[in-house]
Protein backbone atom coordinates (compact mmCIF):
# COMPACT_ATOMS: atom_id res chain seq x y z
CA MET A 1 170.23 -193.36 128.18
CA ASP A 2 170.10 -192.43 131.83
CA ASP A 3 170.70 -188.80 130.96
CA GLN A 4 168.07 -189.01 128.28
CA GLY A 5 165.64 -190.70 130.51
CA LYS A 6 166.09 -187.99 133.08
CA ARG A 7 165.74 -185.25 130.46
CA GLU A 8 162.34 -183.51 130.67
CA ARG A 9 160.24 -184.32 127.71
CA VAL A 10 158.43 -181.13 126.67
CA HIS A 11 156.05 -181.36 123.83
CA PHE A 12 155.79 -178.65 121.15
CA GLY A 13 153.22 -176.03 122.09
CA SER A 14 152.76 -177.24 125.61
CA LEU A 15 151.69 -174.95 128.44
CA GLU A 16 154.82 -175.80 130.46
CA ARG A 17 157.35 -174.62 127.82
CA ASP A 18 155.46 -171.42 126.93
CA ALA A 19 155.05 -170.56 130.61
CA VAL A 20 158.71 -171.14 131.52
CA ALA A 21 159.96 -169.17 128.52
CA TYR A 22 157.59 -166.30 129.32
CA ALA A 23 158.71 -166.21 132.93
CA LYS A 24 162.41 -166.29 132.01
CA ARG A 25 161.90 -163.46 129.47
CA LYS A 26 160.00 -161.27 132.02
CA ARG A 27 162.71 -161.93 134.64
CA GLU A 28 165.55 -160.83 132.34
CA GLU A 29 163.74 -157.68 131.30
CA GLU A 30 163.06 -156.78 134.96
CA GLU A 31 166.66 -157.29 136.02
CA ALA A 32 167.94 -155.18 133.15
CA GLU A 33 165.63 -152.28 133.96
CA ASP A 34 165.71 -152.23 137.78
CA LYS A 35 166.84 -154.98 140.18
CA SER A 36 164.78 -153.37 142.93
CA LYS A 37 161.70 -154.26 140.96
CA ASP A 38 162.47 -157.85 140.60
CA GLY A 39 160.13 -158.97 143.23
CA GLY A 40 158.81 -162.06 141.45
CA ALA A 41 161.94 -163.10 139.57
CA SER A 42 163.21 -165.59 142.22
CA ASP A 43 159.83 -167.20 142.47
CA LEU A 44 159.74 -167.57 138.70
CA LEU A 45 163.21 -169.04 138.69
CA GLU A 46 162.20 -171.50 141.42
CA ILE A 47 159.19 -172.40 139.37
CA SER A 48 161.31 -173.04 136.22
CA GLU A 49 163.89 -175.12 138.16
CA ASN A 50 161.27 -177.16 139.82
CA THR A 51 159.59 -177.78 136.52
CA ARG A 52 162.88 -178.67 134.79
CA SER A 53 163.97 -181.06 137.60
CA GLY A 54 160.64 -182.84 137.62
CA MET A 55 160.10 -182.52 141.37
CA PRO A 56 156.99 -184.30 142.62
CA GLY A 57 154.03 -182.05 142.79
CA ALA A 58 155.76 -179.39 140.69
CA SER A 59 153.33 -177.47 138.61
CA ILE A 60 152.88 -174.05 136.98
CA ASP A 61 151.25 -171.38 139.14
CA LEU A 62 149.39 -169.37 136.53
CA ASP A 63 148.39 -166.71 139.03
CA LEU A 64 152.00 -166.10 139.87
CA ILE A 65 152.86 -165.76 136.20
CA ASP A 66 150.05 -163.27 135.65
CA GLU A 67 151.51 -161.17 138.46
CA ALA A 68 154.77 -160.96 136.52
CA ILE A 69 153.18 -158.86 133.75
CA ASP A 70 155.02 -155.73 133.17
CA GLU A 71 153.94 -153.27 135.87
CA LYS A 72 154.92 -150.33 133.72
CA GLU A 73 152.55 -151.36 130.95
CA ASP A 74 149.79 -152.10 133.53
CA LYS A 75 150.28 -148.63 134.95
CA LEU A 76 150.06 -146.98 131.51
CA LEU A 77 146.80 -148.94 130.76
CA THR A 78 145.41 -147.74 134.11
CA ASP A 79 146.38 -144.18 133.41
CA ASP A 80 144.73 -144.22 130.08
CA ALA A 81 141.51 -145.60 131.47
CA LEU A 82 141.53 -143.03 134.25
CA GLU A 83 142.17 -140.33 131.78
CA THR A 84 139.21 -141.41 129.68
CA ARG A 85 137.07 -141.50 132.66
CA ARG A 86 138.24 -138.02 133.80
CA ARG A 87 137.52 -136.55 130.43
CA ALA A 88 134.08 -138.04 130.37
CA MET A 89 133.24 -136.67 133.83
CA ALA A 90 134.58 -133.28 132.89
CA GLU A 91 132.31 -133.25 129.79
CA PHE A 92 129.30 -134.12 131.83
CA ASP A 93 130.21 -131.28 134.29
CA ARG A 94 130.61 -128.98 131.36
CA ARG A 95 127.18 -129.81 130.04
CA ARG A 96 125.62 -129.35 133.43
CA LEU A 97 127.23 -126.01 133.67
CA ALA A 98 126.17 -124.99 130.18
CA ARG A 99 122.55 -125.42 131.06
CA SER A 100 122.86 -122.93 133.91
CA ILE A 101 124.63 -120.22 131.90
CA ALA A 102 122.55 -117.23 130.85
CA VAL A 103 122.88 -116.79 127.05
CA PRO A 104 121.46 -113.86 125.11
CA THR A 105 118.22 -114.61 123.20
CA GLY A 106 118.59 -111.94 120.54
CA ASP A 107 120.48 -113.14 117.49
CA ALA A 108 122.33 -109.83 117.14
CA GLN A 109 123.55 -110.09 120.67
CA VAL A 110 124.59 -113.71 120.21
CA LYS A 111 126.70 -112.72 117.21
CA ASP A 112 128.31 -109.85 119.13
CA THR A 113 129.25 -112.15 121.98
CA LEU A 114 130.74 -114.73 119.64
CA ARG A 115 132.76 -111.99 118.00
CA GLN A 116 134.05 -110.82 121.31
CA HIS A 117 135.42 -114.25 122.10
CA GLY A 118 137.06 -114.71 118.74
CA HIS A 119 134.63 -117.12 117.17
CA PRO A 120 132.94 -116.80 113.75
CA ILE A 121 129.47 -115.22 113.96
CA CYS A 122 128.00 -117.57 111.52
CA LEU A 123 128.73 -121.08 110.18
CA PHE A 124 127.45 -122.66 107.00
CA GLY A 125 123.89 -124.01 107.38
CA GLU A 126 123.62 -122.54 110.91
CA ASP A 127 120.32 -120.88 112.01
CA ALA A 128 119.71 -118.58 115.00
CA GLY A 129 119.04 -121.52 117.41
CA ASP A 130 122.15 -123.38 116.40
CA ARG A 131 124.13 -120.16 116.81
CA ARG A 132 122.81 -119.78 120.28
CA ASN A 133 123.70 -123.36 121.23
CA ARG A 134 127.22 -122.81 119.87
CA LEU A 135 127.62 -119.73 122.07
CA ARG A 136 126.44 -121.72 125.14
CA TYR A 137 129.09 -124.32 124.34
CA VAL A 138 131.81 -121.63 123.97
CA LEU A 139 130.85 -119.97 127.34
CA SER A 140 130.81 -123.24 129.11
CA LYS A 141 134.36 -124.06 127.83
CA LEU A 142 135.56 -120.72 128.94
CA ALA A 143 134.12 -121.32 132.39
CA VAL A 144 135.83 -124.60 132.65
CA GLU A 145 139.19 -123.23 131.59
CA LYS A 146 138.86 -120.34 134.05
CA ARG A 147 138.09 -122.63 136.91
CA ALA A 148 140.95 -124.86 136.06
CA SER A 149 143.40 -121.95 135.88
CA GLU A 150 142.18 -120.72 139.33
CA THR A 151 142.65 -124.07 140.97
CA GLY A 152 145.98 -124.74 139.19
CA ASP A 153 144.98 -128.41 138.56
CA GLN A 154 144.26 -129.21 134.99
CA THR A 155 143.25 -132.75 135.83
CA THR A 156 140.59 -131.83 138.37
CA PRO A 157 137.02 -132.32 137.12
CA LEU A 158 134.79 -129.33 137.41
CA SER A 159 132.62 -131.07 139.90
CA ALA A 160 135.48 -131.45 142.28
CA SER A 161 135.89 -127.74 142.65
CA VAL A 162 132.33 -126.62 141.98
CA THR A 163 129.51 -128.11 143.97
CA GLY A 164 125.98 -127.02 144.49
CA GLU A 165 123.64 -124.82 142.49
CA ASP A 166 125.03 -121.58 144.00
CA LYS A 167 128.42 -122.31 142.58
CA SER A 168 126.98 -122.96 139.08
CA GLU A 169 125.10 -119.74 139.25
CA GLU A 170 128.26 -117.90 140.36
CA ILE A 171 130.15 -119.18 137.27
CA SER A 172 127.28 -118.33 135.04
CA SER A 173 127.25 -114.73 136.32
CA GLU A 174 131.00 -114.52 135.85
CA VAL A 175 130.89 -115.69 132.32
CA SER A 176 128.02 -113.54 131.33
CA GLU A 177 129.37 -110.42 133.18
CA GLY A 178 130.49 -108.87 129.83
CA ASN A 179 126.99 -109.43 128.29
CA GLU A 180 124.91 -107.90 130.98
CA GLU A 181 125.43 -104.37 129.60
CA GLN A 182 124.19 -105.55 126.21
CA GLU A 183 121.19 -107.64 127.27
CA GLU A 184 118.58 -106.43 129.67
CA PHE A 185 116.17 -109.04 131.00
CA TYR A 186 114.06 -106.45 132.71
CA THR A 187 113.40 -103.01 131.37
CA GLU A 188 111.37 -100.14 132.64
CA ALA A 189 107.96 -100.06 131.00
CA SER A 190 106.80 -97.15 128.96
CA ASP A 191 103.87 -95.08 130.16
CA SER A 192 101.60 -96.58 127.44
CA LEU A 193 102.55 -100.14 128.47
CA LEU A 194 102.02 -99.30 132.16
CA GLN A 195 98.56 -97.92 131.35
CA ALA A 196 97.76 -100.96 129.23
CA ARG A 197 98.77 -103.29 132.20
CA GLN A 198 96.49 -101.43 134.55
CA THR A 199 93.59 -101.56 132.06
CA ILE A 200 94.12 -105.33 131.56
CA ALA A 201 94.30 -105.85 135.32
CA ARG A 202 90.96 -104.18 135.89
CA PHE A 203 89.36 -106.03 133.00
CA SER A 204 90.69 -109.43 133.97
CA LEU A 205 89.72 -109.14 137.59
CA SER A 206 86.15 -108.49 136.72
CA ARG A 207 86.11 -111.33 134.25
CA ALA A 208 87.74 -113.70 136.68
CA LYS A 209 85.11 -112.76 139.28
CA CYS A 210 82.27 -113.64 136.96
CA ARG A 211 83.93 -116.87 135.88
CA ILE A 212 84.49 -118.14 139.45
CA LYS A 213 80.89 -117.19 140.41
CA ARG A 214 79.57 -119.15 137.44
CA GLN A 215 81.71 -122.18 138.28
CA ARG A 216 80.44 -122.19 141.84
CA GLU A 217 76.88 -122.16 140.64
CA ASP A 218 77.60 -124.92 138.15
CA CYS A 219 78.87 -127.10 141.01
CA LYS A 220 75.38 -126.89 142.61
CA VAL A 221 73.67 -128.48 139.58
CA ASP A 222 72.07 -131.91 140.21
CA LEU A 223 74.56 -134.69 139.33
CA ALA A 224 71.89 -136.61 137.43
CA ARG A 225 71.22 -133.57 135.20
CA ILE A 226 74.98 -133.18 134.48
CA ARG A 227 75.28 -136.84 133.63
CA ARG A 228 72.28 -136.59 131.26
CA LEU A 229 73.73 -133.47 129.55
CA ARG A 230 77.13 -135.25 129.25
CA GLN A 231 75.48 -138.23 127.53
CA ASP A 232 73.74 -135.98 125.15
CA LEU A 233 77.01 -134.18 124.38
CA THR A 234 78.76 -137.48 123.76
CA LYS A 235 76.02 -138.66 121.47
CA SER A 236 76.17 -135.41 119.52
CA LEU A 237 79.99 -135.51 119.10
CA THR A 238 79.96 -139.17 117.86
CA SER A 239 77.35 -138.20 115.18
CA TYR A 240 79.53 -135.51 113.58
CA THR A 241 79.86 -135.83 109.77
CA ILE A 242 80.88 -133.67 106.82
CA ALA A 243 78.28 -130.97 106.03
CA GLY A 244 80.09 -129.05 103.30
CA SER A 245 83.29 -128.86 101.34
CA GLN A 246 84.74 -126.25 99.06
CA ILE A 247 87.92 -125.44 97.14
CA GLY A 248 89.06 -122.27 98.79
CA ASP A 249 92.23 -121.17 97.09
CA ALA A 250 94.83 -122.10 94.56
CA ARG A 251 97.40 -122.70 97.28
CA PRO A 252 97.16 -124.55 100.67
CA MET A 253 94.82 -123.01 103.15
CA SER A 254 96.33 -122.13 106.60
CA ARG A 255 93.67 -120.76 109.01
CA VAL A 256 89.90 -120.77 109.53
CA VAL A 257 87.81 -118.92 112.21
CA PHE A 258 84.13 -118.51 112.68
CA THR A 259 82.41 -115.14 113.17
CA PRO A 260 80.76 -114.57 116.63
CA ASP A 261 77.29 -115.28 115.15
CA SER A 262 78.56 -118.63 113.68
CA GLN A 263 76.84 -117.78 110.42
CA ARG A 264 80.04 -116.93 108.47
CA LEU A 265 83.69 -117.90 108.60
CA LEU A 266 87.01 -116.58 107.41
CA THR A 267 89.77 -118.55 105.75
CA SER A 268 93.31 -117.64 104.88
CA ALA A 269 95.81 -119.20 102.38
CA TRP A 270 99.44 -119.31 101.45
CA SER A 271 98.61 -117.11 98.44
CA GLY A 272 98.14 -114.23 100.89
CA THR A 273 94.32 -114.03 100.30
CA ILE A 274 91.64 -114.04 102.94
CA LYS A 275 88.02 -114.96 102.10
CA LEU A 276 84.66 -114.66 103.84
CA TRP A 277 82.20 -117.58 103.37
CA ASP A 278 78.62 -118.24 104.43
CA VAL A 279 77.79 -121.29 106.62
CA PRO A 280 76.84 -123.96 105.73
CA GLY A 281 76.41 -123.05 102.04
CA CYS A 282 80.18 -122.43 101.51
CA ASN A 283 79.47 -119.49 99.16
CA MET A 284 82.14 -116.84 99.00
CA LEU A 285 80.96 -113.49 100.14
CA ARG A 286 84.07 -111.31 99.95
CA SER A 287 87.79 -111.60 99.25
CA TYR A 288 90.47 -109.59 101.09
CA ARG A 289 93.82 -108.80 99.51
CA GLY A 290 96.85 -107.06 101.01
CA HIS A 291 99.50 -109.60 101.99
CA THR A 292 102.14 -110.73 99.51
CA ASP A 293 103.17 -114.06 101.18
CA ARG A 294 101.80 -116.91 103.18
CA ILE A 295 99.30 -116.01 105.96
CA GLY A 296 99.90 -117.78 109.21
CA GLY A 297 97.80 -115.85 111.66
CA LEU A 298 94.10 -114.96 111.60
CA SER A 299 92.02 -113.63 114.50
CA LEU A 300 88.48 -112.05 114.80
CA HIS A 301 87.65 -109.27 117.20
CA PRO A 302 85.24 -110.43 120.05
CA GLN A 303 82.61 -107.98 118.68
CA ALA A 304 83.35 -108.43 114.97
CA GLY A 305 80.67 -107.11 112.69
CA GLU A 306 78.88 -105.15 115.42
CA ARG A 307 80.88 -101.89 115.48
CA GLY A 308 80.69 -100.41 112.03
CA GLU A 309 82.87 -100.32 108.85
CA SER A 310 85.59 -98.01 110.10
CA VAL A 311 86.61 -100.28 112.96
CA ALA A 312 88.92 -103.29 112.58
CA ASP A 313 86.95 -106.54 112.86
CA PHE A 314 89.90 -108.94 112.32
CA ALA A 315 93.66 -109.13 112.02
CA SER A 316 96.04 -111.21 109.97
CA GLY A 317 99.77 -111.97 110.05
CA ALA A 318 101.95 -113.25 107.21
CA ALA A 319 105.36 -114.24 106.05
CA ASP A 320 105.82 -110.77 104.71
CA ASN A 321 106.48 -109.69 108.33
CA ASN A 322 103.29 -107.61 108.31
CA ILE A 323 100.16 -107.55 110.46
CA PHE A 324 97.13 -106.05 108.80
CA LEU A 325 93.82 -104.85 110.40
CA TRP A 326 90.62 -105.39 108.30
CA SER A 327 86.96 -104.47 108.37
CA LEU A 328 84.56 -107.21 107.22
CA GLU A 329 82.98 -104.72 104.86
CA LYS A 330 86.17 -103.56 103.15
CA GLU A 331 88.49 -105.62 100.89
CA THR A 332 91.59 -103.72 101.66
CA PRO A 333 93.39 -103.30 105.03
CA ILE A 334 92.35 -100.30 107.18
CA GLY A 335 95.52 -100.43 109.36
CA SER A 336 98.86 -102.09 109.76
CA LEU A 337 101.28 -103.09 112.62
CA LYS A 338 104.89 -103.20 111.65
CA GLY A 339 107.84 -104.20 113.74
CA HIS A 340 108.47 -107.97 113.43
CA GLN A 341 111.75 -108.82 111.72
CA SER A 342 110.58 -112.26 110.36
CA ARG A 343 107.50 -114.25 109.48
CA VAL A 344 104.42 -113.62 111.59
CA VAL A 345 102.87 -117.03 112.28
CA ASN A 346 100.06 -116.31 114.75
CA VAL A 347 97.86 -113.48 115.99
CA ASP A 348 95.18 -113.30 118.71
CA HIS A 349 92.88 -110.66 120.07
CA HIS A 350 92.88 -109.91 123.77
CA PRO A 351 89.43 -110.65 125.24
CA SER A 352 88.89 -106.93 125.76
CA GLY A 353 89.30 -106.35 122.05
CA ASP A 354 91.69 -103.42 122.69
CA TYR A 355 94.94 -105.27 122.17
CA LEU A 356 96.45 -107.78 119.82
CA GLY A 357 99.14 -110.28 120.43
CA SER A 358 101.45 -111.73 117.68
CA ALA A 359 104.05 -114.51 117.49
CA SER A 360 106.87 -114.46 115.06
CA PHE A 361 109.81 -116.40 113.68
CA ASP A 362 112.03 -113.57 114.95
CA GLY A 363 111.85 -115.29 118.41
CA SER A 364 109.62 -112.73 120.03
CA TRP A 365 105.92 -112.12 120.70
CA ARG A 366 104.60 -108.65 120.82
CA LEU A 367 101.60 -106.72 122.20
CA TRP A 368 99.92 -104.07 120.19
CA ASP A 369 97.47 -101.26 120.87
CA ILE A 370 94.86 -101.60 118.11
CA ALA A 371 93.44 -98.13 118.41
CA THR A 372 96.81 -96.42 118.04
CA GLU A 373 98.46 -99.12 115.95
CA ARG A 374 101.49 -98.91 118.31
CA GLU A 375 103.73 -101.59 119.72
CA LEU A 376 103.52 -101.73 123.50
CA LEU A 377 105.69 -104.67 124.29
CA LEU A 378 108.37 -106.75 122.70
CA GLN A 379 108.93 -109.95 124.72
CA GLU A 380 111.65 -112.52 124.23
CA GLY A 381 112.12 -115.71 126.21
CA HIS A 382 112.21 -118.59 123.66
CA SER A 383 115.47 -119.88 122.27
CA ARG A 384 113.95 -120.59 118.89
CA GLU A 385 111.12 -119.33 116.61
CA LEU A 386 107.65 -118.90 118.04
CA PHE A 387 104.64 -120.59 116.48
CA ALA A 388 101.60 -120.34 118.85
CA LEU A 389 100.09 -117.59 120.94
CA ARG A 390 96.72 -117.48 122.75
CA PHE A 391 95.13 -115.27 125.49
CA GLN A 392 93.34 -116.76 128.51
CA CYS A 393 89.65 -116.15 128.68
CA ASP A 394 90.03 -113.59 131.52
CA GLY A 395 92.74 -111.74 129.66
CA SER A 396 95.23 -111.84 132.53
CA LEU A 397 97.54 -114.47 130.99
CA VAL A 398 98.89 -115.33 127.63
CA GLY A 399 100.48 -118.65 126.43
CA THR A 400 103.22 -118.80 123.85
CA ALA A 401 105.06 -121.82 122.37
CA GLY A 402 107.35 -122.53 119.54
CA LEU A 403 110.02 -124.63 117.89
CA ASP A 404 112.09 -124.93 121.08
CA GLY A 405 109.52 -127.42 122.30
CA ILE A 406 108.71 -125.36 125.36
CA GLY A 407 105.67 -123.24 126.15
CA ARG A 408 105.45 -120.27 128.45
CA VAL A 409 102.65 -118.65 130.35
CA TRP A 410 103.09 -114.88 130.92
CA ASP A 411 101.25 -112.66 133.32
CA MET A 412 99.93 -109.68 131.28
CA ARG A 413 99.71 -107.51 134.44
CA SER A 414 103.32 -107.88 135.56
CA GLY A 415 105.13 -109.18 132.54
CA ARG A 416 106.56 -112.18 134.37
CA SER A 417 106.75 -115.69 133.04
CA VAL A 418 104.67 -117.64 135.55
CA MET A 419 104.87 -121.20 134.15
CA ALA A 420 106.97 -123.22 131.70
CA LEU A 421 105.04 -125.84 129.67
CA GLU A 422 107.67 -128.60 129.47
CA GLY A 423 107.39 -132.22 128.39
CA HIS A 424 107.10 -132.24 124.62
CA ALA A 425 109.92 -134.03 122.82
CA LYS A 426 109.62 -131.89 119.72
CA GLU A 427 108.35 -128.54 118.44
CA ILE A 428 105.02 -127.10 119.63
CA PHE A 429 102.69 -125.94 116.84
CA ALA A 430 99.40 -125.29 118.57
CA LEU A 431 98.09 -123.97 121.88
CA ASP A 432 94.71 -123.15 123.40
CA TRP A 433 93.17 -122.33 126.75
CA SER A 434 90.17 -124.02 128.31
CA PRO A 435 87.26 -121.76 129.27
CA ASN A 436 87.80 -122.87 132.86
CA GLY A 437 90.82 -120.57 132.90
CA TYR A 438 93.43 -122.95 134.34
CA GLN A 439 93.90 -125.69 131.73
CA ILE A 440 96.05 -125.41 128.62
CA ALA A 441 96.24 -127.85 125.65
CA THR A 442 99.35 -127.93 123.39
CA GLY A 443 99.96 -129.82 120.20
CA SER A 444 103.38 -130.96 119.05
CA ALA A 445 105.38 -132.59 116.43
CA ASP A 446 105.85 -135.55 118.77
CA ASN A 447 102.21 -136.48 117.73
CA THR A 448 100.81 -135.83 121.21
CA VAL A 449 98.46 -133.33 122.91
CA ARG A 450 99.42 -132.34 126.48
CA ILE A 451 97.02 -130.91 129.07
CA PHE A 452 98.68 -128.61 131.59
CA ASP A 453 97.04 -127.43 134.82
CA LEU A 454 98.03 -123.95 135.97
CA ARG A 455 97.07 -124.76 139.57
CA LYS A 456 99.40 -127.76 139.82
CA LEU A 457 102.06 -126.30 137.52
CA THR A 458 102.49 -129.63 135.74
CA THR A 459 101.02 -131.87 133.05
CA ILE A 460 97.84 -133.66 134.06
CA GLN A 461 97.29 -135.64 130.76
CA GLN A 462 99.35 -136.71 127.79
CA ILE A 463 97.15 -137.80 124.84
CA PRO A 464 98.75 -139.92 122.03
CA ALA A 465 96.47 -137.91 119.71
CA HIS A 466 97.67 -138.63 116.15
CA LYS A 467 100.06 -140.58 113.95
CA SER A 468 101.75 -137.35 112.71
CA VAL A 469 102.39 -133.73 113.72
CA VAL A 470 99.59 -132.09 115.63
CA THR A 471 98.97 -128.74 113.84
CA ASP A 472 96.10 -127.26 115.75
CA VAL A 473 94.02 -127.70 118.97
CA ARG A 474 90.81 -126.04 120.00
CA PHE A 475 88.59 -126.16 123.06
CA PHE A 476 84.85 -125.47 122.57
CA HIS A 477 84.21 -121.90 123.73
CA ALA A 478 80.53 -121.22 124.13
CA ARG A 479 79.24 -117.75 123.19
CA ASN A 480 76.28 -115.87 124.55
CA ILE A 481 75.99 -118.02 127.67
CA ASN A 482 72.99 -117.50 129.92
CA LEU A 483 74.39 -116.55 133.34
CA GLY A 484 71.06 -116.65 135.08
CA ASN A 485 69.49 -119.26 137.34
CA PHE A 486 69.46 -122.82 135.96
CA ASP A 487 65.81 -123.21 136.84
CA ASP A 488 64.81 -120.41 134.49
CA MET A 489 66.87 -121.80 131.50
CA THR A 490 65.69 -123.86 128.65
CA GLU A 491 67.22 -127.24 128.05
CA ALA A 492 69.38 -125.90 125.22
CA GLU A 493 70.63 -122.94 127.24
CA SER A 494 71.61 -125.12 130.24
CA GLN A 495 73.34 -127.62 127.91
CA MET A 496 75.28 -124.84 126.27
CA ARG A 497 76.45 -123.48 129.59
CA LEU A 498 77.42 -126.89 131.09
CA CYS A 499 79.18 -128.03 127.88
CA ASP A 500 81.45 -124.93 127.69
CA GLY A 501 84.97 -126.30 127.44
CA GLN A 502 83.86 -129.91 127.79
CA TYR A 503 85.43 -131.12 124.54
CA LEU A 504 88.61 -130.56 122.56
CA ALA A 505 89.34 -130.96 118.81
CA SER A 506 92.81 -131.62 117.42
CA ALA A 507 94.01 -131.53 113.76
CA SER A 508 97.08 -133.31 112.32
CA ASN A 509 99.17 -133.94 109.26
CA ASP A 510 97.74 -137.42 109.23
CA GLY A 511 94.57 -135.90 107.69
CA LEU A 512 92.29 -136.46 110.72
CA ILE A 513 90.36 -134.27 113.11
CA ASN A 514 89.92 -136.06 116.50
CA ILE A 515 87.40 -134.93 119.01
CA TRP A 516 88.09 -135.59 122.76
CA THR A 517 85.89 -135.06 125.81
CA ALA A 518 87.48 -133.07 128.63
CA GLY A 519 88.09 -134.69 132.00
CA ASP A 520 88.48 -138.26 130.85
CA TRP A 521 90.26 -137.22 127.58
CA LYS A 522 88.67 -140.00 125.61
CA LEU A 523 88.48 -140.02 121.83
CA GLN A 524 84.82 -139.71 120.66
CA LYS A 525 85.10 -139.18 116.92
CA SER A 526 87.72 -139.10 114.13
CA LEU A 527 86.71 -136.96 111.16
CA ALA A 528 88.31 -138.03 107.88
CA GLY A 529 87.86 -136.22 104.66
CA HIS A 530 90.90 -134.13 103.83
CA VAL A 531 93.55 -135.40 101.46
CA GLY A 532 96.83 -134.86 103.25
CA LYS A 533 97.71 -132.36 105.98
CA ILE A 534 95.17 -130.33 108.00
CA LEU A 535 96.69 -126.98 108.94
CA GLY A 536 93.90 -125.36 111.02
CA LEU A 537 90.45 -125.75 112.62
CA ASP A 538 87.87 -123.87 114.63
CA ILE A 539 84.70 -124.66 116.56
CA ALA A 540 81.58 -122.44 116.20
CA GLY A 541 80.50 -120.70 119.39
CA ASP A 542 77.11 -122.44 119.41
CA SER A 543 78.70 -125.90 118.90
CA SER A 544 76.83 -126.38 115.61
CA TYR A 545 79.92 -126.71 113.36
CA ILE A 546 83.54 -127.58 113.23
CA ALA A 547 85.61 -126.02 110.31
CA SER A 548 88.93 -127.13 109.00
CA VAL A 549 91.36 -126.16 106.26
CA GLY A 550 94.21 -128.18 104.80
CA TYR A 551 97.01 -128.67 102.40
CA ASP A 552 94.58 -129.94 99.80
CA LYS A 553 93.43 -126.30 99.20
CA THR A 554 89.93 -127.06 100.56
CA PHE A 555 87.99 -126.10 103.70
CA LYS A 556 85.37 -128.42 105.09
CA ILE A 557 82.51 -128.05 107.55
CA TRP A 558 81.48 -130.70 109.95
CA ALA A 559 78.17 -130.93 111.86
CA PRO A 560 76.07 -133.40 113.96
CA GLU A 561 73.69 -135.41 111.87
CA GLU A 562 70.65 -133.71 113.42
CA ILE A 563 71.78 -130.42 111.92
């Protein structure tokens, strides 16, 4: 009985029994492996003996038992965690390096480079943009492997051996060394392009001089008069309503543009047909046929209808890869511009009227001499298809944008890219310049319109414009402005001059046309009438009408109630 009374009573499942058994098991394993590692065995034995003997104050030190966990297993767990962390950091470094590597923009060059490195030139469902991203990934992996082989340490993250922007550029140049012979970022201009640049420089300098002089004179106008004209403009914009509607084609209509006199308008459709209509009666005057696929670009010459039948009054580009030149008086093309390898989605006349710009799904935009029908410039610079192109009012700059979600401003006199229009989360489908010469509006699939300032090289306003894709944006460009003294102008002439560029219209797949005042960028009016997507719009040069075309195969004319 005495022995039984002295025996320790341990209940099933108690903490004391489990702890002692665990400690004894760990001690035996450690002794079997390496006696030198048996640092905590004696302590565990002492704990178990004290517990078994029932010494006063004897208890289980849980912290000590935790320290007895297998050091080898703990080391393995730590190594796995460190390895995971190292791999994550190496991947971040690889991605940062990938952004700095120069990758060819031409699809043919991308395929050649992939072939050189032993990778397939095309994967199922892969387009040109995806292929270029894959090449960027391949080149970045090669750069990481090369750096690891040079340092001789396979576990060292790239950031440990490469620091600073200069090192990143050094690796980029090393990786793309074999591609420099195939891809030339700067090429010597032809004599015709050099002459065109000189002509554009002379033209744009004179235009810029007049624009700046006019802006300085406008700043001298009495503030009360400006406020009154601004109120009249706002009142006119809020009174816009539908003035005419007409079914224009058997397929969706893509573009619309007013003639310089604002008395007629041109529309294009996916059927490849262009039609001329009177305003506001919406009666068809003439039909033009030549394209065999969807028309995406339509542009009128600045002096359209004033130069005779044998001279091109407007140009069009379509999915048949062709650009046609037309006279308003003839139903068939009088000229063609060939060179694009894919769908032509936009065309625009240079303010001088001597040149034409075009944007295409082949990833390039081109400059053409209208008189000779020759290509002067093929310019790359976007990683994906282009969708928008527009010349600045002076003619010195051109803006381009596309499905890569980035716009670019190019100097026509030097050929350099002077600004990147960044900020949109998705594709850019529309672009237009303000008549002030330094602001650009872009419309995107992220449902916003962004206003960029060329002087600040940044976004000055982001407008949550629509509930769906923004398909077109247009500033009001006044025509036939009186450049004389304000005191000698009529009220209508002064209002036309001061309202130039003071409002912006945007169209969207949500079926609405929204009108915004410039400066405060406030919504003044939403025009609803189309059933479904609106694909294009234009504003008459005398501010009397707004025209729109849509997926519902109709075009509509909007006007203030007083008209």
